[in-house]
């Protein structure tokens, strides 16, 4: 049965509303173990591509399931104006080549890959991917100890660390206070050497990430540093959910920025 278009409503507006609803309702769902304990370093685009793929993962998919990833659909979904096939292709290859460390109960560590196989077809702009077998338990059949969030909240983020910190703080939201050892937080971000000096870690990672989280997500975050002598050794986050009114303001801000990027 064909749908009846509302009288006087242009199809372009109907299509725009449909895309907005898809953007706003698409959820990224990950195990808390993966969010809080996994150590990996992905670029901003690599993280956004991975999250986009996760939103299309079904509970019935297996490591043998070939998912069809349309690059044009990705750019349209993310409202990206500069549509570069090769950049997304490179991001996917990086996801295939990279792995992440996870702590095992016995104290050892294991590496897990994000994707196991990729096929590309530049003529039709499609990519065919398989999630890694060891990755799927952290994304599927999650009943407890997991975090989900709207991909909408990370679509306009400019820092790769904003996404990582948002996921971590989202996983503990509602518990209000959460303390992190600075060195452990650097290890999670895998930036111990790049930002060995705390001042750089604070001004280039922590504070810009918190600013983006406060401006572009459903969370409100404040924080306090703790020191031993003159050395800053820890940070305590106070995490709360924004009011409905504040979240509506965030939605408007993100929509405005997405429209400007078209």
Protein backbone atom coordinates (compact mmCIF):
# COMPACT_ATOMS: atom_id res chain seq x y z
CA UNK A 1 0.00 0.00 0.00
CA UNK A 2 1.47 3.36 -1.02
CA UNK A 3 1.71 6.16 1.50
CA UNK A 4 -0.55 9.19 1.03
CA UNK A 5 1.40 12.41 1.16
CA UNK A 6 -0.11 15.13 3.32
CA UNK A 7 -1.70 17.86 1.17
CA UNK A 8 0.51 20.89 0.73
CA UNK A 9 3.60 19.30 2.34
CA UNK A 10 6.54 19.19 -0.11
CA UNK A 11 8.26 15.81 -0.48
CA UNK A 12 11.60 17.43 0.35
CA UNK A 13 10.31 18.38 3.81
CA UNK A 14 8.94 14.88 4.38
CA UNK A 15 12.30 13.39 3.38
CA UNK A 16 14.17 15.83 5.65
CA UNK A 17 11.94 14.94 8.60
CA UNK A 18 12.48 11.24 7.91
CA UNK A 19 16.26 11.68 7.85
CA UNK A 20 16.21 13.74 11.04
CA UNK A 21 14.21 11.05 12.83
CA UNK A 22 16.68 8.40 11.67
CA UNK A 23 19.63 10.50 12.83
CA UNK A 24 18.01 11.26 16.17
CA UNK A 25 16.80 7.73 16.95
CA UNK A 26 19.84 5.71 15.80
CA UNK A 27 21.54 4.24 18.86
CA UNK A 28 25.12 3.19 19.49
CA UNK A 29 25.20 0.34 22.00
CA UNK A 30 28.39 -0.97 23.63
CA UNK A 31 29.37 -3.10 26.59
CA UNK A 32 30.61 -1.07 29.56
CA UNK A 33 33.66 -3.32 29.65
CA UNK A 34 34.56 -2.16 26.17
CA UNK A 35 33.90 1.49 27.01
CA UNK A 36 35.73 1.65 30.35
CA UNK A 37 38.50 -0.92 30.00
CA UNK A 38 39.37 -1.13 26.30
CA UNK A 39 42.41 0.79 25.15
CA UNK A 40 42.49 2.01 21.59
CA UNK A 41 43.29 5.09 19.54
CA UNK A 42 41.02 5.94 16.61
CA UNK A 43 40.76 9.17 14.69
CA UNK A 44 37.61 11.25 14.82
CA UNK A 45 36.37 9.94 11.47
CA UNK A 46 37.26 6.34 12.30
CA UNK A 47 35.16 6.55 15.47
CA UNK A 48 32.22 8.10 13.64
CA UNK A 49 32.36 5.45 10.91
CA UNK A 50 32.53 2.69 13.53
CA UNK A 51 29.58 4.12 15.45
CA UNK A 52 27.60 4.42 12.22
CA UNK A 53 28.29 0.75 11.48
CA UNK A 54 27.24 -0.25 15.00
CA UNK A 55 23.88 1.50 14.58
CA UNK A 56 23.22 -0.85 11.64
CA UNK A 57 24.19 -4.02 13.51
CA UNK A 58 21.32 -6.44 14.15
CA UNK A 59 21.08 -8.87 17.05
CA UNK A 60 20.81 -11.66 14.46
CA UNK A 61 24.02 -10.73 12.64
CA UNK A 62 27.04 -13.01 13.03
CA UNK A 63 30.67 -12.68 12.04
CA UNK A 64 29.67 -14.34 8.77
CA UNK A 65 27.05 -11.66 8.03
CA UNK A 66 28.15 -9.30 5.30
CA UNK A 67 26.90 -5.79 6.03
CA UNK A 68 26.50 -3.44 3.08
CA UNK A 69 27.79 0.03 3.86
CA UNK A 70 26.86 2.79 1.40
CA UNK A 71 29.38 5.61 1.59
CA UNK A 72 27.02 8.19 0.08
CA UNK A 73 24.38 7.21 2.66
CA UNK A 74 26.97 7.71 5.41
CA UNK A 75 27.83 11.21 4.22
CA UNK A 76 24.16 12.10 3.79
CA UNK A 77 23.38 10.75 7.26
CA UNK A 78 26.25 12.65 8.87
CA UNK A 79 25.47 15.81 6.85
CA UNK A 80 29.06 16.01 5.56
CA UNK A 81 29.55 18.34 2.61
CA UNK A 82 32.99 17.14 1.46
CA UNK A 83 32.16 13.65 0.19
CA UNK A 84 35.49 11.89 -0.27
CA UNK A 85 35.17 8.17 -1.04
CA UNK A 86 38.85 7.50 -0.40
CA UNK A 87 38.81 9.05 3.08
CA UNK A 88 36.04 6.75 4.26
CA UNK A 89 37.77 3.84 2.55
CA UNK A 90 40.97 4.68 4.46
CA UNK A 91 39.03 4.95 7.73
CA UNK A 92 37.51 1.50 7.14
CA UNK A 93 40.92 0.02 6.33
CA UNK A 94 42.29 1.51 9.55
CA UNK A 95 39.43 -0.12 11.49
CA UNK A 96 40.29 -3.41 9.82
CA UNK A 97 44.00 -3.05 10.61
CA UNK A 98 43.68 -1.77 14.17
CA UNK A 99 42.82 -3.71 17.30
CA UNK A 100 42.11 -2.82 20.90
CA UNK A 101 43.40 -4.14 24.20
CA UNK A 102 41.04 -5.57 26.79
CA UNK A 103 41.88 -6.67 30.34
CA UNK A 104 41.04 -10.30 31.13
CA UNK A 105 39.87 -11.51 34.58
CA UNK A 106 43.18 -13.32 35.12
CA UNK A 107 45.13 -10.09 34.73
CA UNK A 108 46.30 -10.75 31.17
CA UNK A 109 45.41 -8.66 28.13
CA UNK A 110 44.00 -9.66 24.76
CA UNK A 111 43.73 -7.85 21.45
CA UNK A 112 40.42 -7.71 19.61
CA UNK A 113 39.88 -6.43 16.09
CA UNK A 114 36.98 -4.20 15.09
CA UNK A 115 36.39 -5.63 11.62
CA UNK A 116 37.56 -8.88 10.06
CA UNK A 117 36.96 -8.31 6.36
CA UNK A 118 36.25 -5.45 3.93
CA UNK A 119 35.37 -5.45 0.24
CA UNK A 120 34.94 -2.21 -1.69
CA UNK A 121 33.33 -1.30 -4.99
CA UNK A 122 34.15 2.23 -6.07
CA UNK A 123 31.74 2.05 -9.01
CA UNK A 124 28.66 1.76 -6.83
CA UNK A 125 30.19 3.44 -3.77
CA UNK A 126 29.49 0.49 -1.50
CA UNK A 127 31.61 -1.29 1.08
CA UNK A 128 30.93 -4.83 2.31
CA UNK A 129 32.14 -5.51 5.84
CA UNK A 130 32.22 -8.26 8.45
CA UNK A 131 32.46 -7.50 12.17
CA UNK A 132 35.16 -9.47 13.93
CA UNK A 133 33.93 -12.57 15.75
CA UNK A 134 35.52 -11.50 19.06
CA UNK A 135 34.06 -8.00 18.77
CA UNK A 136 30.39 -9.01 18.56
CA UNK A 137 29.93 -10.06 22.23
CA UNK A 138 30.66 -6.44 23.20
CA UNK A 139 27.92 -5.17 20.87
CA UNK A 140 25.13 -7.77 20.89
CA UNK A 141 22.76 -9.44 23.33
CA UNK A 142 23.63 -6.91 26.03
CA UNK A 143 21.13 -7.16 28.89
CA UNK A 144 23.13 -5.52 31.67
CA UNK A 145 26.33 -3.49 32.04
CA UNK A 146 26.02 -1.69 28.74
CA UNK A 147 25.64 1.88 27.52
CA UNK A 148 23.59 3.22 24.64
CA UNK A 149 23.44 6.73 23.28
CA UNK A 150 22.14 8.63 20.27
CA UNK A 151 24.73 8.93 17.51
CA UNK A 152 23.23 12.40 17.01
CA UNK A 153 25.21 13.64 20.01
CA UNK A 154 28.60 12.84 18.47
CA UNK A 155 27.86 13.84 14.87
CA UNK A 156 29.29 17.37 15.17
CA UNK A 157 32.07 16.65 17.66
CA UNK A 158 35.49 17.89 16.57
CA UNK A 159 37.75 15.91 18.90
CA UNK A 160 38.35 12.17 18.90
CA UNK A 161 38.75 12.36 22.69
CA UNK A 162 35.34 13.99 23.12
CA UNK A 163 33.66 10.84 21.84
CA UNK A 164 35.73 8.55 24.04
CA UNK A 165 35.20 10.64 27.17
CA UNK A 166 31.49 11.03 26.43
CA UNK A 167 31.09 7.25 26.20
CA UNK A 168 32.94 6.77 29.49
CA UNK A 169 30.93 9.42 31.33
CA UNK A 170 27.67 8.25 29.76
CA UNK A 171 28.40 4.77 31.14
CA UNK A 172 28.54 6.17 34.69
CA UNK A 173 25.85 8.85 34.37
CA UNK A 174 23.44 8.71 37.27
CA UNK A 175 26.17 7.71 39.72
CA UNK A 176 27.10 11.40 39.90
CA UNK A 177 30.75 11.12 41.01
CA UNK A 178 33.42 9.14 39.22
CA UNK A 179 37.14 9.29 39.97
CA UNK A 180 39.88 8.50 37.44
CA UNK A 181 43.59 8.21 37.97
CA UNK A 182 45.20 10.53 35.42
CA UNK A 183 47.71 7.92 34.23
CA UNK A 184 44.97 5.31 33.80
CA UNK A 185 42.90 7.77 31.79
CA UNK A 186 45.90 8.43 29.53
CA UNK A 187 46.28 4.68 29.04
CA UNK A 188 42.62 4.31 28.05
CA UNK A 189 43.15 7.05 25.45
CA UNK A 190 46.56 5.57 24.54
CA UNK A 191 48.22 8.97 24.64
CA UNK A 192 50.73 8.50 27.49
CA UNK A 193 53.70 9.49 25.34
CA UNK A 194 52.00 12.14 23.21
CA UNK A 195 50.65 13.99 26.24
CA UNK A 196 53.09 13.02 28.98
CA UNK A 197 52.98 16.56 30.40
CA UNK A 198 49.77 17.00 32.43
CA UNK A 199 49.28 20.60 31.30
CA UNK A 200 49.04 19.48 27.69
CA UNK A 201 46.74 16.58 28.59
CA UNK A 202 44.45 18.97 30.46
CA UNK A 203 44.29 21.76 27.85
CA UNK A 204 44.28 19.62 24.69
CA UNK A 205 42.18 16.63 25.76
CA UNK A 206 40.25 16.91 29.02
CA UNK A 207 38.96 20.48 28.93
CA UNK A 208 38.06 20.67 25.19
CA UNK A 209 36.32 17.29 25.48
CA UNK A 210 34.27 18.40 28.50
CA UNK A 211 33.32 21.61 26.70
CA UNK A 212 32.01 19.63 23.72
CA UNK A 213 30.17 17.19 25.97
CA UNK A 214 28.49 20.05 27.84
CA UNK A 215 27.56 21.87 24.61
CA UNK A 216 26.53 18.94 22.41
CA UNK A 217 25.18 16.07 24.50
CA UNK A 218 22.54 15.12 27.06
CA UNK A 219 25.11 15.27 29.89
CA UNK A 220 26.30 18.07 32.11
CA UNK A 221 29.80 17.56 33.50
CA UNK A 222 31.85 19.35 36.11
CA UNK A 223 35.18 18.15 37.45
CA UNK A 224 37.80 18.58 40.11
CA UNK A 225 41.52 17.74 40.00
CA UNK A 226 43.30 15.99 42.87
CA UNK A 227 46.98 16.29 43.60
CA UNK A 228 49.72 14.71 45.65
CA UNK A 229 52.08 17.49 46.54
CA UNK A 230 52.47 19.55 43.38
CA UNK A 231 51.56 16.69 41.03
CA UNK A 232 48.02 16.29 39.67
CA UNK A 233 47.22 12.58 40.03
CA UNK A 234 43.46 12.29 39.57
CA UNK A 235 40.27 13.83 38.32
CA UNK A 236 36.75 13.43 39.69
CA UNK A 237 33.81 13.99 37.36
CA UNK A 238 30.35 14.99 38.47
CA UNK A 239 27.97 13.73 35.77
CA UNK A 240 24.28 14.52 35.55
CA UNK A 241 21.59 14.47 32.88
CA UNK A 242 20.37 17.75 31.43
CA UNK A 243 16.79 18.89 31.76
CA UNK A 244 14.40 18.38 28.84
CA UNK A 245 14.63 22.07 28.02
CA UNK A 246 18.43 22.00 27.96
CA UNK A 247 18.41 18.91 25.74
CA UNK A 248 16.08 20.65 23.31
CA UNK A 249 18.54 23.54 23.14
CA UNK A 250 21.34 21.05 22.41
CA UNK A 251 19.23 19.48 19.66
CA UNK A 252 18.72 22.88 18.04
CA UNK A 253 22.44 23.67 18.25
CA UNK A 254 23.43 20.39 16.61
CA UNK A 255 20.78 20.77 13.89
CA UNK A 256 22.01 24.30 13.15
CA UNK A 257 25.61 23.11 12.86
CA UNK A 258 24.63 20.18 10.65
CA UNK A 259 22.66 22.48 8.36
CA UNK A 260 25.65 24.80 8.09
CA UNK A 261 27.86 21.86 7.03
CA UNK A 262 25.66 20.91 4.08
